[in-house]
Amino acid sequence: MLFTLAWTHTPSARNETITKFMATGGMPPKGVQMLSRYHNVDGSGGFAICETDNSSALASWALDWNGLIEIKITAIMDDETISGVLGPRAEAGDFN
């Protein structure tokens, strides 16, 4: 499954967060493939797009940053996947 892992920095932990990121690269654990990562220009946070079928590994990655950044994990779908879901409903006129 695809996920976004979005984060915002807690002001009190900004310097510690930057130090940890520079030392580790913020890479995910085994079992989670990071496809891309983006940072807000103002330095307030960002998000990564990752793929995994291992929810424990995803939770472990988030917990590595617990107390430093606020994290929101959301399951996402690409256009092809959502089209497969919407196609049969569109044919049946079932959007109510």
C-alpha atoms as a PDB file:
ATOM      1  CA  MET A   1       0.000   0.000   0.000  1.00  0.00           C
ATOM      2  CA  LEU A   2       0.982   3.596  -0.534  1.00  0.00           C
ATOM      3  CA  PHE A   3       1.092   6.083   2.327  1.00  0.00           C
ATOM      4  CA  THR A   4       1.961   9.685   2.965  1.00  0.00           C
ATOM      5  CA  LEU A   5       3.842  10.354   6.147  1.00  0.00           C
ATOM      6  CA  ALA A   6       3.418  14.093   6.769  1.00  0.00           C
ATOM      7  CA  TRP A   7       5.205  15.907   9.568  1.00  0.00           C
ATOM      8  CA  THR A   8       5.412  19.278  11.221  1.00  0.00           C
ATOM      9  CA  HIS A   9       8.213  20.355  13.496  1.00  0.00           C
ATOM     10  CA  THR A  10       7.550  21.075  17.137  1.00  0.00           C
ATOM     11  CA  PRO A  11       9.270  24.414  17.849  1.00  0.00           C
ATOM     12  CA  SER A  12      10.883  23.224  21.056  1.00  0.00           C
ATOM     13  CA  ALA A  13      12.585  20.290  19.302  1.00  0.00           C
ATOM     14  CA  ARG A  14      13.641  22.022  16.065  1.00  0.00           C
ATOM     15  CA  ASN A  15      17.397  21.873  16.616  1.00  0.00           C
ATOM     16  CA  GLU A  16      17.316  18.283  17.880  1.00  0.00           C
ATOM     17  CA  THR A  17      15.202  17.269  14.880  1.00  0.00           C
ATOM     18  CA  ILE A  18      17.630  18.854  12.420  1.00  0.00           C
ATOM     19  CA  THR A  19      20.603  17.210  14.140  1.00  0.00           C
ATOM     20  CA  LYS A  20      18.941  13.773  14.053  1.00  0.00           C
ATOM     21  CA  PHE A  21      17.932  14.162  10.405  1.00  0.00           C
ATOM     22  CA  MET A  22      21.429  15.211   9.347  1.00  0.00           C
ATOM     23  CA  ALA A  23      22.960  12.267  11.254  1.00  0.00           C
ATOM     24  CA  THR A  24      20.543   9.559  10.061  1.00  0.00           C
ATOM     25  CA  GLY A  25      19.077  10.851   6.813  1.00  0.00           C
ATOM     26  CA  GLY A  26      15.645  10.073   8.253  1.00  0.00           C
ATOM     27  CA  MET A  27      15.527   6.833   6.300  1.00  0.00           C
ATOM     28  CA  PRO A  28      12.735   4.304   6.902  1.00  0.00           C
ATOM     29  CA  PRO A  29      13.351   0.886   8.436  1.00  0.00           C
ATOM     30  CA  LYS A  30      13.531  -2.346   6.483  1.00  0.00           C
ATOM     31  CA  GLY A  31      10.082  -3.151   5.126  1.00  0.00           C
ATOM     32  CA  VAL A  32       9.223   0.440   4.151  1.00  0.00           C
ATOM     33  CA  GLN A  33      10.284   1.837   0.794  1.00  0.00           C
ATOM     34  CA  MET A  34      10.425   5.629   0.638  1.00  0.00           C
ATOM     35  CA  LEU A  35       9.485   6.646  -2.909  1.00  0.00           C
ATOM     36  CA  SER A  36      10.015  10.387  -2.476  1.00  0.00           C
ATOM     37  CA  ARG A  37      10.290  13.035   0.223  1.00  0.00           C
ATOM     38  CA  TYR A  38       9.523  16.763   0.123  1.00  0.00           C
ATOM     39  CA  HIS A  39      10.254  19.563   2.585  1.00  0.00           C
ATOM     40  CA  ASN A  40       8.269  22.769   3.057  1.00  0.00           C
ATOM     41  CA  VAL A  41      10.290  25.766   1.899  1.00  0.00           C
ATOM     42  CA  ASP A  42       9.647  27.542   5.203  1.00  0.00           C
ATOM     43  CA  GLY A  43      11.148  24.613   7.158  1.00  0.00           C
ATOM     44  CA  SER A  44       7.917  23.875   9.021  1.00  0.00           C
ATOM     45  CA  GLY A  45       7.666  20.242   7.927  1.00  0.00           C
ATOM     46  CA  GLY A  46       7.049  18.154   4.854  1.00  0.00           C
ATOM     47  CA  PHE A  47       5.926  14.729   3.699  1.00  0.00           C
ATOM     48  CA  ALA A  48       7.188  11.448   2.316  1.00  0.00           C
ATOM     49  CA  ILE A  49       5.467   9.039  -0.002  1.00  0.00           C
ATOM     50  CA  CYS A  50       6.231   5.459   0.921  1.00  0.00           C
ATOM     51  CA  GLU A  51       5.104   1.953   0.132  1.00  0.00           C
ATOM     52  CA  THR A  52       4.732  -0.956   2.536  1.00  0.00           C
ATOM     53  CA  ASP A  53       2.554  -3.875   3.501  1.00  0.00           C
ATOM     54  CA  ASN A  54       4.178  -3.872   6.934  1.00  0.00           C
ATOM     55  CA  SER A  55       2.244  -1.586   9.286  1.00  0.00           C
ATOM     56  CA  SER A  56       4.627  -2.432  12.151  1.00  0.00           C
ATOM     57  CA  ALA A  57       7.607  -1.107  10.196  1.00  0.00           C
ATOM     58  CA  LEU A  58       5.682   2.063   9.313  1.00  0.00           C
ATOM     59  CA  ALA A  59       4.739   2.585  12.966  1.00  0.00           C
ATOM     60  CA  SER A  60       8.361   1.984  13.991  1.00  0.00           C
ATOM     61  CA  TRP A  61       9.547   4.695  11.599  1.00  0.00           C
ATOM     62  CA  ALA A  62       7.034   7.158  13.058  1.00  0.00           C
ATOM     63  CA  LEU A  63       7.959   6.227  16.630  1.00  0.00           C
ATOM     64  CA  ASP A  64      11.637   6.919  15.895  1.00  0.00           C
ATOM     65  CA  TRP A  65      10.650  10.599  15.679  1.00  0.00           C
ATOM     66  CA  ASN A  66       8.107  10.644  18.523  1.00  0.00           C
ATOM     67  CA  GLY A  67       8.464  13.785  20.627  1.00  0.00           C
ATOM     68  CA  LEU A  68      10.407  15.630  17.934  1.00  0.00           C
ATOM     69  CA  ILE A  69       7.861  16.019  15.150  1.00  0.00           C
ATOM     70  CA  GLU A  70       4.125  15.562  14.813  1.00  0.00           C
ATOM     71  CA  ILE A  71       3.335  12.866  12.247  1.00  0.00           C
ATOM     72  CA  LYS A  72       0.166  12.025  10.334  1.00  0.00           C
ATOM     73  CA  ILE A  73       0.107   8.822   8.261  1.00  0.00           C
ATOM     74  CA  THR A  74      -2.516   8.514   5.517  1.00  0.00           C
ATOM     75  CA  ALA A  75      -3.180   5.615   3.144  1.00  0.00           C
ATOM     76  CA  ILE A  76      -3.330   6.881  -0.454  1.00  0.00           C
ATOM     77  CA  MET A  77      -4.097   5.523  -3.956  1.00  0.00           C
ATOM     78  CA  ASP A  78      -2.802   6.412  -7.386  1.00  0.00           C
ATOM     79  CA  ASP A  79      -5.117   7.287 -10.304  1.00  0.00           C
ATOM     80  CA  GLU A  80      -5.123   3.740 -11.674  1.00  0.00           C
ATOM     81  CA  THR A  81      -6.196   2.227  -8.356  1.00  0.00           C
ATOM     82  CA  ILE A  82      -8.956   4.755  -7.637  1.00  0.00           C
ATOM     83  CA  SER A  83     -10.224   4.392 -11.231  1.00  0.00           C
ATOM     84  CA  GLY A  84     -10.691   0.666 -10.550  1.00  0.00           C
ATOM     85  CA  VAL A  85     -12.809   1.566  -7.513  1.00  0.00           C
ATOM     86  CA  LEU A  86     -14.803   4.333  -9.200  1.00  0.00           C
ATOM     87  CA  GLY A  87     -15.294   2.638 -12.590  1.00  0.00           C
ATOM     88  CA  PRO A  88     -17.948   0.105 -11.532  1.00  0.00           C
ATOM     89  CA  ARG A  89     -19.717   2.732  -9.434  1.00  0.00           C
ATOM     90  CA  ALA A  90     -19.750   5.198 -12.343  1.00  0.00           C
ATOM     91  CA  GLU A  91     -21.238   2.565 -14.658  1.00  0.00           C
ATOM     92  CA  ALA A  92     -23.996   1.916 -12.097  1.00  0.00           C
ATOM     93  CA  GLY A  93     -24.551   5.631 -11.450  1.00  0.00           C
ATOM     94  CA  ASP A  94     -23.838   4.990  -7.760  1.00  0.00           C
ATOM     95  CA  PHE A  95     -22.385   8.253  -6.429  1.00  0.00           C
ATOM     96  CA  ASN A  96     -25.114   9.230  -3.978  1.00  0.00           C
END
